[in-house]
Amino acid sequence: MHSLINNHSLVDGNKRAGLLIGSTFLGLNGFKFAHSNDEMVEIILEVADTGMNAGELSKRLKISLA
């Protein structure tokens, strides 16, 4: 998720793709984000704008069993 957002692998939609792929991966493995949509948008924008590293991102994300 972090790499998709920051490495600009797509021409457009890197933040959306990162969030979609991250949540799909978690869902397939029995987990989900325990954040509201607004909280997730805030976190994703912070990753893109500040260059938050993957370790900091993992600390910010609340993940729960689905």
C-alpha atoms as a PDB file:
ATOM      1  CA  MET A   1       0.000   0.000   0.000  1.00  0.00           C
ATOM      2  CA  HIS A   2       2.792   2.395   0.949  1.00  0.00           C
ATOM      3  CA  SER A   3       4.786   1.699  -2.218  1.00  0.00           C
ATOM      4  CA  LEU A   4       1.783   2.092  -4.516  1.00  0.00           C
ATOM      5  CA  ILE A   5       0.948   5.471  -2.992  1.00  0.00           C
ATOM      6  CA  ASN A   6       4.462   6.902  -3.002  1.00  0.00           C
ATOM      7  CA  ASN A   7       6.204   5.349  -6.016  1.00  0.00           C
ATOM      8  CA  HIS A   8       3.729   6.624  -8.641  1.00  0.00           C
ATOM      9  CA  SER A   9       3.497   3.335 -10.477  1.00  0.00           C
ATOM     10  CA  LEU A  10       0.346   4.564 -12.240  1.00  0.00           C
ATOM     11  CA  VAL A  11      -0.197   7.748 -14.228  1.00  0.00           C
ATOM     12  CA  ASP A  12      -3.185   8.646 -12.049  1.00  0.00           C
ATOM     13  CA  GLY A  13      -5.027   7.095  -9.108  1.00  0.00           C
ATOM     14  CA  ASN A  14      -2.092   5.873  -7.002  1.00  0.00           C
ATOM     15  CA  LYS A  15      -3.761   6.737  -3.680  1.00  0.00           C
ATOM     16  CA  ARG A  16      -7.050   5.126  -4.682  1.00  0.00           C
ATOM     17  CA  ALA A  17      -5.295   2.023  -6.014  1.00  0.00           C
ATOM     18  CA  GLY A  18      -3.146   1.726  -2.891  1.00  0.00           C
ATOM     19  CA  LEU A  19      -6.166   1.872  -0.614  1.00  0.00           C
ATOM     20  CA  LEU A  20      -8.202  -0.544  -2.757  1.00  0.00           C
ATOM     21  CA  ILE A  21      -5.397  -3.087  -3.050  1.00  0.00           C
ATOM     22  CA  GLY A  22      -4.520  -2.792   0.647  1.00  0.00           C
ATOM     23  CA  SER A  23      -8.099  -3.308   1.775  1.00  0.00           C
ATOM     24  CA  THR A  24      -8.591  -6.183  -0.700  1.00  0.00           C
ATOM     25  CA  PHE A  25      -5.446  -7.909   0.559  1.00  0.00           C
ATOM     26  CA  LEU A  26      -6.602  -7.581   4.158  1.00  0.00           C
ATOM     27  CA  GLY A  27     -10.098  -8.795   3.283  1.00  0.00           C
ATOM     28  CA  LEU A  28      -8.775 -11.887   1.530  1.00  0.00           C
ATOM     29  CA  ASN A  29      -6.799 -12.683   4.672  1.00  0.00           C
ATOM     30  CA  GLY A  30      -9.702 -12.191   7.094  1.00  0.00           C
ATOM     31  CA  PHE A  31      -8.932  -8.654   8.268  1.00  0.00           C
ATOM     32  CA  LYS A  32     -10.312  -5.176   7.677  1.00  0.00           C
ATOM     33  CA  PHE A  33      -9.446  -1.573   8.463  1.00  0.00           C
ATOM     34  CA  ALA A  34     -11.080  -0.361  11.675  1.00  0.00           C
ATOM     35  CA  HIS A  35     -11.201   3.267  10.470  1.00  0.00           C
ATOM     36  CA  SER A  36     -13.986   5.420   9.121  1.00  0.00           C
ATOM     37  CA  ASN A  37     -13.770   6.498   5.478  1.00  0.00           C
ATOM     38  CA  ASP A  38     -12.765  10.011   6.547  1.00  0.00           C
ATOM     39  CA  GLU A  39      -9.956   8.649   8.739  1.00  0.00           C
ATOM     40  CA  MET A  40      -8.653   6.508   5.881  1.00  0.00           C
ATOM     41  CA  VAL A  41      -8.647   9.470   3.498  1.00  0.00           C
ATOM     42  CA  GLU A  42      -6.682  11.488   6.069  1.00  0.00           C
ATOM     43  CA  ILE A  43      -4.115   8.707   6.518  1.00  0.00           C
ATOM     44  CA  ILE A  44      -3.670   8.100   2.771  1.00  0.00           C
ATOM     45  CA  LEU A  45      -3.236  11.816   2.078  1.00  0.00           C
ATOM     46  CA  GLU A  46      -0.699  12.050   4.885  1.00  0.00           C
ATOM     47  CA  VAL A  47       1.293   9.176   3.365  1.00  0.00           C
ATOM     48  CA  ALA A  48       1.305  10.913  -0.026  1.00  0.00           C
ATOM     49  CA  ASP A  49       1.978  14.435   1.262  1.00  0.00           C
ATOM     50  CA  THR A  50       4.550  13.837   3.997  1.00  0.00           C
ATOM     51  CA  GLY A  51       6.324  10.747   2.711  1.00  0.00           C
ATOM     52  CA  MET A  52       5.373   8.792   5.843  1.00  0.00           C
ATOM     53  CA  ASN A  53       7.404   5.585   5.849  1.00  0.00           C
ATOM     54  CA  ALA A  54       5.904   2.095   5.866  1.00  0.00           C
ATOM     55  CA  GLY A  55       6.661   1.567   9.565  1.00  0.00           C
ATOM     56  CA  GLU A  56       4.818   4.729  10.571  1.00  0.00           C
ATOM     57  CA  LEU A  57       1.899   3.760   8.322  1.00  0.00           C
ATOM     58  CA  SER A  58       1.600   0.343   9.940  1.00  0.00           C
ATOM     59  CA  LYS A  59       1.489   1.983  13.379  1.00  0.00           C
ATOM     60  CA  ARG A  60      -1.306   4.327  12.277  1.00  0.00           C
ATOM     61  CA  LEU A  61      -3.502   1.651  10.762  1.00  0.00           C
ATOM     62  CA  LYS A  62      -5.977  -0.101  13.005  1.00  0.00           C
ATOM     63  CA  ILE A  63      -6.691  -3.534  11.629  1.00  0.00           C
ATOM     64  CA  SER A  64      -9.318  -5.848  13.055  1.00  0.00           C
ATOM     65  CA  LEU A  65     -10.638  -9.296  12.300  1.00  0.00           C
ATOM     66  CA  ALA A  66     -13.469  -9.220   9.789  1.00  0.00           C
END
